[in-house]
Amino acid sequence: MRTSIFTRMSILKPATMRTVAERRYGDAEALRETKINARANGVAYLSGFVIEILLKAFLADKYSSIAAKPQGSLSDGERKIWFLIWKSHDLEDMLDHVPELEAALRKKGKNDQRTYLEDLKGICATWTIQARYSPQSMTMKEASILLDKVRTLKELLR
């Protein structure tokens, strides 16, 4: 039987996760290029989703032995990390588990006189998977600002 995008995947490798993040970024760019305000929420949702995938890839690299384990074989201490990688959508919680990433972004931001860490923290604090159900709308200008930040951050999170 032919596989489809709905086929349940085995454990994804961090490199594959990064490829998927790049594709979702491309999807967000394609929506932005329409310049249609009705597509702005899609741009914003996909922007945060790109960050989610990249943070999960970072966690999967950092905790590769935990990421590769079947859920039923986890110790109590491993369960939280495994959940962040494979089930959670809480970007702030993910970011809390990668202080070395925060330190690297802080240092690079200081060197470049840019706000990389603040931009990432802002996205992590505001983006939620629940946005896909929101009846509220944002403008394409607002979504474009977010996507521009994601474009920069995705290169730094690789």
N, C-alpha and C. Protein backbone atom coordinates (compact mmCIF):
# COMPACT_ATOMS: atom_id res chain seq x y z
N MET A 1 0.83 -1.19 0.00
CA MET A 1 0.00 0.00 0.00
C MET A 1 0.88 1.25 0.00
N ARG A 2 0.49 2.21 -0.76
CA ARG A 2 1.22 3.47 -0.87
C ARG A 2 1.08 4.27 0.42
N THR A 3 2.17 4.87 0.87
CA THR A 3 2.09 5.72 2.06
C THR A 3 1.59 7.09 1.67
N SER A 4 1.03 7.79 2.63
CA SER A 4 0.55 9.14 2.38
C SER A 4 1.02 10.04 3.52
N ILE A 5 0.69 11.30 3.44
CA ILE A 5 1.08 12.22 4.51
C ILE A 5 0.38 11.86 5.81
N PHE A 6 -0.66 11.04 5.75
CA PHE A 6 -1.40 10.66 6.95
C PHE A 6 -0.93 9.33 7.54
N THR A 7 0.06 8.72 6.92
CA THR A 7 0.61 7.48 7.45
C THR A 7 1.38 7.81 8.72
N ARG A 8 1.11 7.06 9.77
CA ARG A 8 1.81 7.29 11.04
C ARG A 8 3.29 6.98 10.85
N MET A 9 4.12 7.93 11.25
CA MET A 9 5.56 7.81 11.06
C MET A 9 6.20 7.09 12.24
N SER A 10 7.31 6.44 11.95
CA SER A 10 8.13 5.92 13.04
C SER A 10 8.87 7.13 13.61
N ILE A 11 9.76 6.90 14.51
CA ILE A 11 10.51 8.00 15.14
C ILE A 11 11.24 8.80 14.06
N LEU A 12 11.01 10.10 14.05
CA LEU A 12 11.67 10.98 13.09
C LEU A 12 13.06 11.34 13.58
N LYS A 13 13.96 11.45 12.67
CA LYS A 13 15.31 11.90 12.99
C LYS A 13 15.31 13.44 12.98
N PRO A 14 16.17 14.06 13.79
CA PRO A 14 16.23 15.52 13.82
C PRO A 14 16.44 16.15 12.43
N ALA A 15 17.25 15.52 11.59
CA ALA A 15 17.48 16.07 10.25
C ALA A 15 16.19 16.08 9.44
N THR A 16 15.39 15.04 9.58
CA THR A 16 14.10 14.98 8.89
C THR A 16 13.17 16.05 9.43
N MET A 17 13.20 16.25 10.73
CA MET A 17 12.37 17.28 11.34
C MET A 17 12.73 18.65 10.78
N ARG A 18 14.02 18.89 10.60
CA ARG A 18 14.46 20.19 10.06
C ARG A 18 14.00 20.36 8.61
N THR A 19 14.01 19.28 7.85
CA THR A 19 13.51 19.33 6.48
C THR A 19 12.03 19.67 6.47
N VAL A 20 11.28 19.05 7.35
CA VAL A 20 9.84 19.33 7.45
C VAL A 20 9.62 20.79 7.84
N ALA A 21 10.42 21.29 8.78
CA ALA A 21 10.29 22.70 9.18
C ALA A 21 10.53 23.62 7.99
N GLU A 22 11.51 23.29 7.17
CA GLU A 22 11.80 24.10 5.99
C GLU A 22 10.61 24.08 5.01
N ARG A 23 9.99 22.94 4.87
CA ARG A 23 8.81 22.83 3.99
C ARG A 23 7.64 23.65 4.52
N ARG A 24 7.40 23.60 5.82
CA ARG A 24 6.30 24.37 6.39
C ARG A 24 6.60 25.87 6.28
N TYR A 25 7.88 26.24 6.38
CA TYR A 25 8.25 27.63 6.17
C TYR A 25 7.90 28.04 4.73
N GLY A 26 8.21 27.16 3.78
CA GLY A 26 7.86 27.42 2.38
C GLY A 26 6.36 27.56 2.18
N ASP A 27 5.59 26.75 2.91
CA ASP A 27 4.13 26.88 2.85
C ASP A 27 3.68 28.25 3.35
N ALA A 28 4.29 28.69 4.44
CA ALA A 28 3.94 30.01 5.00
C ALA A 28 4.32 31.12 4.02
N GLU A 29 5.47 30.99 3.39
CA GLU A 29 5.89 31.99 2.39
C GLU A 29 4.91 32.03 1.22
N ALA A 30 4.47 30.85 0.77
CA ALA A 30 3.51 30.81 -0.34
C ALA A 30 2.21 31.50 0.03
N LEU A 31 1.75 31.32 1.25
CA LEU A 31 0.54 32.00 1.70
C LEU A 31 0.77 33.51 1.78
N ARG A 32 1.94 33.91 2.27
CA ARG A 32 2.24 35.34 2.36
C ARG A 32 2.25 35.98 0.98
N GLU A 33 2.80 35.28 0.01
CA GLU A 33 2.90 35.83 -1.34
C GLU A 33 1.54 36.12 -1.97
N THR A 34 0.49 35.50 -1.45
CA THR A 34 -0.85 35.80 -1.98
C THR A 34 -1.27 37.22 -1.63
N LYS A 35 -0.72 37.77 -0.55
CA LYS A 35 -1.04 39.11 -0.05
C LYS A 35 -2.51 39.24 0.34
N ILE A 36 -3.16 38.13 0.56
CA ILE A 36 -4.57 38.13 0.93
C ILE A 36 -4.67 38.04 2.46
N ASN A 37 -5.29 39.05 3.06
CA ASN A 37 -5.40 39.08 4.53
C ASN A 37 -6.04 37.82 5.09
N ALA A 38 -6.95 37.21 4.35
CA ALA A 38 -7.62 36.00 4.83
C ALA A 38 -6.64 34.83 4.98
N ARG A 39 -5.46 34.93 4.42
CA ARG A 39 -4.43 33.88 4.55
C ARG A 39 -3.43 34.19 5.66
N ALA A 40 -3.57 35.34 6.32
CA ALA A 40 -2.60 35.77 7.35
C ALA A 40 -2.54 34.82 8.53
N ASN A 41 -3.69 34.32 8.98
CA ASN A 41 -3.69 33.39 10.11
C ASN A 41 -2.91 32.13 9.76
N GLY A 42 -3.02 31.68 8.52
CA GLY A 42 -2.26 30.51 8.09
C GLY A 42 -0.76 30.78 8.13
N VAL A 43 -0.37 31.96 7.71
CA VAL A 43 1.05 32.36 7.78
C VAL A 43 1.53 32.34 9.23
N ALA A 44 0.75 32.92 10.11
CA ALA A 44 1.13 33.00 11.53
C ALA A 44 1.18 31.61 12.17
N TYR A 45 0.18 30.80 11.89
CA TYR A 45 0.15 29.46 12.47
C TYR A 45 1.36 28.65 12.00
N LEU A 46 1.61 28.66 10.71
CA LEU A 46 2.75 27.91 10.18
C LEU A 46 4.08 28.46 10.69
N SER A 47 4.15 29.76 10.91
CA SER A 47 5.38 30.36 11.45
C SER A 47 5.71 29.76 12.81
N GLY A 48 4.74 29.71 13.69
CA GLY A 48 4.97 29.11 15.00
C GLY A 48 5.23 27.63 14.92
N PHE A 49 4.58 26.96 13.97
CA PHE A 49 4.79 25.53 13.80
C PHE A 49 6.22 25.23 13.38
N VAL A 50 6.80 26.09 12.55
CA VAL A 50 8.20 25.95 12.16
C VAL A 50 9.10 25.99 13.40
N ILE A 51 8.85 26.95 14.26
CA ILE A 51 9.65 27.05 15.49
C ILE A 51 9.44 25.81 16.35
N GLU A 52 8.20 25.34 16.47
CA GLU A 52 7.94 24.14 17.25
C GLU A 52 8.76 22.96 16.74
N ILE A 53 8.73 22.74 15.44
CA ILE A 53 9.46 21.60 14.87
C ILE A 53 10.96 21.74 15.11
N LEU A 54 11.48 22.95 14.95
CA LEU A 54 12.92 23.14 15.14
C LEU A 54 13.34 22.97 16.60
N LEU A 55 12.50 23.42 17.53
CA LEU A 55 12.80 23.19 18.95
C LEU A 55 12.75 21.70 19.27
N LYS A 56 11.80 20.99 18.70
CA LYS A 56 11.72 19.55 18.91
C LYS A 56 12.95 18.85 18.33
N ALA A 57 13.41 19.29 17.17
CA ALA A 57 14.62 18.71 16.57
C ALA A 57 15.82 18.95 17.47
N PHE A 58 15.90 20.15 18.04
CA PHE A 58 16.99 20.48 18.96
C PHE A 58 16.95 19.55 20.17
N LEU A 59 15.75 19.38 20.73
CA LEU A 59 15.58 18.48 21.87
C LEU A 59 15.90 17.03 21.50
N ALA A 60 15.47 16.61 20.32
CA ALA A 60 15.73 15.23 19.89
C ALA A 60 17.22 14.98 19.69
N ASP A 61 17.95 16.00 19.26
CA ASP A 61 19.42 15.89 19.17
C ASP A 61 20.03 15.81 20.57
N LYS A 62 19.62 16.71 21.41
CA LYS A 62 20.19 16.80 22.76
C LYS A 62 19.89 15.55 23.58
N TYR A 63 18.69 15.04 23.46
CA TYR A 63 18.25 13.88 24.24
C TYR A 63 17.97 12.70 23.31
N SER A 64 18.90 12.38 22.45
CA SER A 64 18.67 11.36 21.42
C SER A 64 18.31 9.99 21.99
N SER A 65 18.91 9.61 23.11
CA SER A 65 18.59 8.29 23.66
C SER A 65 17.16 8.24 24.19
N ILE A 66 16.68 9.33 24.75
CA ILE A 66 15.29 9.39 25.23
C ILE A 66 14.33 9.45 24.05
N ALA A 67 14.65 10.25 23.04
CA ALA A 67 13.79 10.41 21.88
C ALA A 67 13.57 9.09 21.15
N ALA A 68 14.56 8.22 21.17
CA ALA A 68 14.48 6.95 20.44
C ALA A 68 13.75 5.85 21.19
N LYS A 69 13.48 6.06 22.46
CA LYS A 69 12.84 5.01 23.26
C LYS A 69 11.34 4.93 22.99
N PRO A 70 10.80 3.71 23.07
CA PRO A 70 9.34 3.59 23.03
C PRO A 70 8.75 4.19 24.31
N GLN A 71 7.59 4.78 24.19
CA GLN A 71 6.98 5.46 25.33
C GLN A 71 6.86 4.57 26.56
N GLY A 72 6.54 3.30 26.37
CA GLY A 72 6.34 2.40 27.50
C GLY A 72 7.59 2.04 28.26
N SER A 73 8.77 2.36 27.72
CA SER A 73 10.01 1.98 28.40
C SER A 73 10.70 3.15 29.10
N LEU A 74 10.00 4.25 29.24
CA LEU A 74 10.61 5.45 29.82
C LEU A 74 10.59 5.42 31.34
N SER A 75 11.65 5.97 31.92
CA SER A 75 11.64 6.17 33.37
C SER A 75 10.85 7.44 33.66
N ASP A 76 10.53 7.65 34.91
CA ASP A 76 9.79 8.86 35.28
C ASP A 76 10.55 10.12 34.87
N GLY A 77 11.86 10.11 35.02
CA GLY A 77 12.68 11.27 34.67
C GLY A 77 12.73 11.55 33.17
N GLU A 78 12.59 10.51 32.38
CA GLU A 78 12.67 10.65 30.92
C GLU A 78 11.34 11.06 30.29
N ARG A 79 10.27 10.78 30.98
CA ARG A 79 8.93 10.97 30.44
C ARG A 79 8.68 12.41 29.99
N LYS A 80 9.09 13.38 30.77
CA LYS A 80 8.87 14.80 30.45
C LYS A 80 9.55 15.17 29.13
N ILE A 81 10.81 14.78 28.98
CA ILE A 81 11.55 15.12 27.76
C ILE A 81 10.91 14.45 26.55
N TRP A 82 10.59 13.17 26.68
CA TRP A 82 9.95 12.44 25.59
C TRP A 82 8.65 13.12 25.18
N PHE A 83 7.86 13.52 26.16
CA PHE A 83 6.60 14.19 25.90
C PHE A 83 6.82 15.51 25.16
N LEU A 84 7.83 16.27 25.56
CA LEU A 84 8.12 17.54 24.88
C LEU A 84 8.46 17.31 23.41
N ILE A 85 9.21 16.25 23.14
CA ILE A 85 9.63 15.98 21.76
C ILE A 85 8.47 15.46 20.91
N TRP A 86 7.69 14.55 21.44
CA TRP A 86 6.72 13.84 20.60
C TRP A 86 5.26 14.22 20.79
N LYS A 87 4.91 14.91 21.87
CA LYS A 87 3.49 15.18 22.11
C LYS A 87 3.15 16.64 22.39
N SER A 88 4.04 17.36 23.00
CA SER A 88 3.73 18.70 23.48
C SER A 88 3.75 19.74 22.34
N HIS A 89 3.07 20.83 22.59
CA HIS A 89 3.10 21.99 21.69
C HIS A 89 3.44 23.26 22.49
N ASP A 90 3.96 23.08 23.69
CA ASP A 90 4.28 24.19 24.58
C ASP A 90 5.70 24.67 24.30
N LEU A 91 5.82 25.70 23.49
CA LEU A 91 7.13 26.19 23.06
C LEU A 91 7.95 26.74 24.22
N GLU A 92 7.30 27.40 25.16
CA GLU A 92 8.04 27.93 26.31
C GLU A 92 8.66 26.79 27.12
N ASP A 93 7.92 25.73 27.32
CA ASP A 93 8.43 24.58 28.06
C ASP A 93 9.61 23.95 27.32
N MET A 94 9.51 23.85 26.01
CA MET A 94 10.62 23.31 25.22
C MET A 94 11.85 24.19 25.38
N LEU A 95 11.66 25.49 25.27
CA LEU A 95 12.78 26.42 25.37
C LEU A 95 13.44 26.35 26.74
N ASP A 96 12.65 26.10 27.78
CA ASP A 96 13.21 25.97 29.13
C ASP A 96 14.19 24.81 29.24
N HIS A 97 14.10 23.83 28.35
CA HIS A 97 14.96 22.65 28.42
C HIS A 97 16.19 22.74 27.51
N VAL A 98 16.40 23.90 26.91
CA VAL A 98 17.58 24.09 26.06
C VAL A 98 18.28 25.40 26.41
N PRO A 99 18.76 25.52 27.65
CA PRO A 99 19.43 26.77 28.05
C PRO A 99 20.65 27.09 27.21
N GLU A 100 21.29 26.07 26.65
CA GLU A 100 22.46 26.31 25.80
C GLU A 100 22.06 27.03 24.52
N LEU A 101 20.85 26.79 24.03
CA LEU A 101 20.34 27.50 22.86
C LEU A 101 20.10 28.96 23.22
N GLU A 102 19.50 29.19 24.37
CA GLU A 102 19.28 30.57 24.82
C GLU A 102 20.60 31.31 24.93
N ALA A 103 21.61 30.66 25.51
CA ALA A 103 22.93 31.29 25.68
C ALA A 103 23.55 31.61 24.32
N ALA A 104 23.44 30.69 23.37
CA ALA A 104 24.01 30.92 22.04
C ALA A 104 23.30 32.07 21.33
N LEU A 105 21.97 32.13 21.44
CA LEU A 105 21.23 33.22 20.80
C LEU A 105 21.51 34.56 21.46
N ARG A 106 21.66 34.55 22.78
CA ARG A 106 22.00 35.78 23.51
C ARG A 106 23.36 36.30 23.03
N LYS A 107 24.34 35.39 22.94
CA LYS A 107 25.69 35.78 22.52
C LYS A 107 25.70 36.28 21.07
N LYS A 108 25.06 35.54 20.18
CA LYS A 108 25.02 35.95 18.77
C LYS A 108 24.28 37.28 18.62
N GLY A 109 23.19 37.42 19.37
CA GLY A 109 22.44 38.67 19.31
C GLY A 109 23.27 39.86 19.77
N LYS A 110 24.05 39.63 20.81
CA LYS A 110 24.91 40.71 21.32
C LYS A 110 25.96 41.07 20.27
N ASN A 111 26.56 40.03 19.66
CA ASN A 111 27.58 40.27 18.63
C ASN A 111 27.00 40.97 17.41
N ASP A 112 25.78 40.58 17.01
CA ASP A 112 25.15 41.14 15.81
C ASP A 112 24.29 42.38 16.10
N GLN A 113 24.16 42.71 17.38
CA GLN A 113 23.26 43.79 17.82
C GLN A 113 21.84 43.54 17.31
N ARG A 114 21.38 42.29 17.53
CA ARG A 114 20.04 41.86 17.12
C ARG A 114 19.32 41.25 18.32
N THR A 115 18.05 41.05 18.20
CA THR A 115 17.22 40.56 19.32
C THR A 115 16.76 39.11 19.09
N TYR A 116 17.66 38.24 18.69
CA TYR A 116 17.29 36.85 18.38
C TYR A 116 16.57 36.17 19.54
N LEU A 117 17.17 36.22 20.71
CA LEU A 117 16.58 35.52 21.86
C LEU A 117 15.23 36.13 22.23
N GLU A 118 15.14 37.43 22.23
CA GLU A 118 13.88 38.09 22.56
C GLU A 118 12.80 37.74 21.54
N ASP A 119 13.19 37.67 20.27
CA ASP A 119 12.22 37.30 19.22
C ASP A 119 11.74 35.87 19.44
N LEU A 120 12.66 34.96 19.73
CA LEU A 120 12.27 33.58 19.96
C LEU A 120 11.38 33.45 21.19
N LYS A 121 11.77 34.12 22.26
CA LYS A 121 10.94 34.06 23.48
C LYS A 121 9.55 34.65 23.23
N GLY A 122 9.48 35.70 22.45
CA GLY A 122 8.18 36.31 22.13
C GLY A 122 7.29 35.35 21.36
N ILE A 123 7.87 34.64 20.40
CA ILE A 123 7.10 33.66 19.63
C ILE A 123 6.67 32.52 20.55
N CYS A 124 7.60 32.04 21.37
CA CYS A 124 7.29 30.93 22.28
C CYS A 124 6.21 31.31 23.29
N ALA A 125 6.19 32.56 23.71
CA ALA A 125 5.21 33.00 24.71
C ALA A 125 3.82 33.22 24.11
N THR A 126 3.75 33.52 22.82
CA THR A 126 2.45 33.87 22.26
C THR A 126 1.84 32.81 21.35
N TRP A 127 2.67 32.04 20.66
CA TRP A 127 2.12 31.07 19.72
C TRP A 127 1.50 29.90 20.47
N THR A 128 0.40 29.43 19.96
CA THR A 128 -0.26 28.27 20.52
C THR A 128 -0.91 27.47 19.40
N ILE A 129 -0.92 26.18 19.56
CA ILE A 129 -1.58 25.32 18.58
C ILE A 129 -3.07 25.64 18.51
N GLN A 130 -3.60 26.22 19.57
CA GLN A 130 -5.02 26.58 19.60
C GLN A 130 -5.35 27.68 18.59
N ALA A 131 -4.35 28.36 18.07
CA ALA A 131 -4.59 29.41 17.08
C ALA A 131 -5.32 28.87 15.86
N ARG A 132 -5.16 27.60 15.58
CA ARG A 132 -5.82 27.04 14.40
C ARG A 132 -7.34 27.04 14.54
N TYR A 133 -7.84 27.21 15.77
CA TYR A 133 -9.28 27.25 16.02
C TYR A 133 -9.80 28.67 16.27
N SER A 134 -8.92 29.64 16.25
CA SER A 134 -9.30 31.00 16.62
C SER A 134 -10.19 31.66 15.57
N PRO A 135 -11.27 32.29 16.01
CA PRO A 135 -12.10 33.06 15.08
C PRO A 135 -11.51 34.46 14.84
N GLN A 136 -10.48 34.84 15.60
CA GLN A 136 -9.84 36.14 15.44
C GLN A 136 -8.97 36.12 14.18
N SER A 137 -8.72 37.28 13.63
CA SER A 137 -7.88 37.38 12.43
C SER A 137 -6.78 38.38 12.66
N MET A 138 -5.66 38.13 12.01
CA MET A 138 -4.58 39.12 12.01
C MET A 138 -4.39 39.61 10.59
N THR A 139 -3.65 40.67 10.44
CA THR A 139 -3.40 41.21 9.11
C THR A 139 -2.18 40.52 8.50
N MET A 140 -2.08 40.61 7.21
CA MET A 140 -0.91 40.04 6.54
C MET A 140 0.35 40.79 6.97
N LYS A 141 0.23 42.07 7.27
CA LYS A 141 1.40 42.82 7.73
C LYS A 141 1.91 42.22 9.05
N GLU A 142 1.01 41.95 9.99
CA GLU A 142 1.40 41.35 11.27
C GLU A 142 2.01 39.96 11.05
N ALA A 143 1.38 39.17 10.20
CA ALA A 143 1.88 37.82 9.93
C ALA A 143 3.24 37.86 9.24
N SER A 144 3.43 38.85 8.37
CA SER A 144 4.71 38.98 7.67
C SER A 144 5.85 39.32 8.62
N ILE A 145 5.57 40.17 9.59
CA ILE A 145 6.59 40.51 10.59
C ILE A 145 7.01 39.26 11.35
N LEU A 146 6.02 38.45 11.73
CA LEU A 146 6.30 37.20 12.42
C LEU A 146 7.11 36.25 11.54
N LEU A 147 6.72 36.10 10.29
CA LEU A 147 7.42 35.19 9.39
C LEU A 147 8.85 35.66 9.13
N ASP A 148 9.07 36.97 9.06
CA ASP A 148 10.44 37.48 8.90
C ASP A 148 11.32 37.09 10.09
N LYS A 149 10.76 37.16 11.28
CA LYS A 149 11.52 36.74 12.47
C LYS A 149 11.82 35.25 12.41
N VAL A 150 10.85 34.47 11.96
CA VAL A 150 11.04 33.02 11.86
C VAL A 150 12.11 32.70 10.82
N ARG A 151 12.12 33.43 9.71
CA ARG A 151 13.15 33.20 8.68
C ARG A 151 14.54 33.33 9.28
N THR A 152 14.76 34.35 10.07
CA THR A 152 16.06 34.54 10.71
C THR A 152 16.32 33.46 11.75
N LEU A 153 15.33 33.19 12.59
CA LEU A 153 15.51 32.22 13.67
C LEU A 153 15.73 30.80 13.15
N LYS A 154 15.06 30.42 12.09
CA LYS A 154 15.19 29.04 11.60
C LYS A 154 16.62 28.76 11.18
N GLU A 155 17.32 29.74 10.68
CA GLU A 155 18.73 29.54 10.31
C GLU A 155 19.60 29.36 11.55
N LEU A 156 19.23 30.04 12.62
CA LEU A 156 20.00 29.94 13.86
C LEU A 156 19.68 28.68 14.65
N LEU A 157 18.49 28.13 14.45
CA LEU A 157 18.08 26.93 15.19
C LEU A 157 18.50 25.64 14.51
N ARG A 158 19.07 25.70 13.35
CA ARG A 158 19.50 24.50 12.62
C ARG A 158 20.61 23.85 13.35
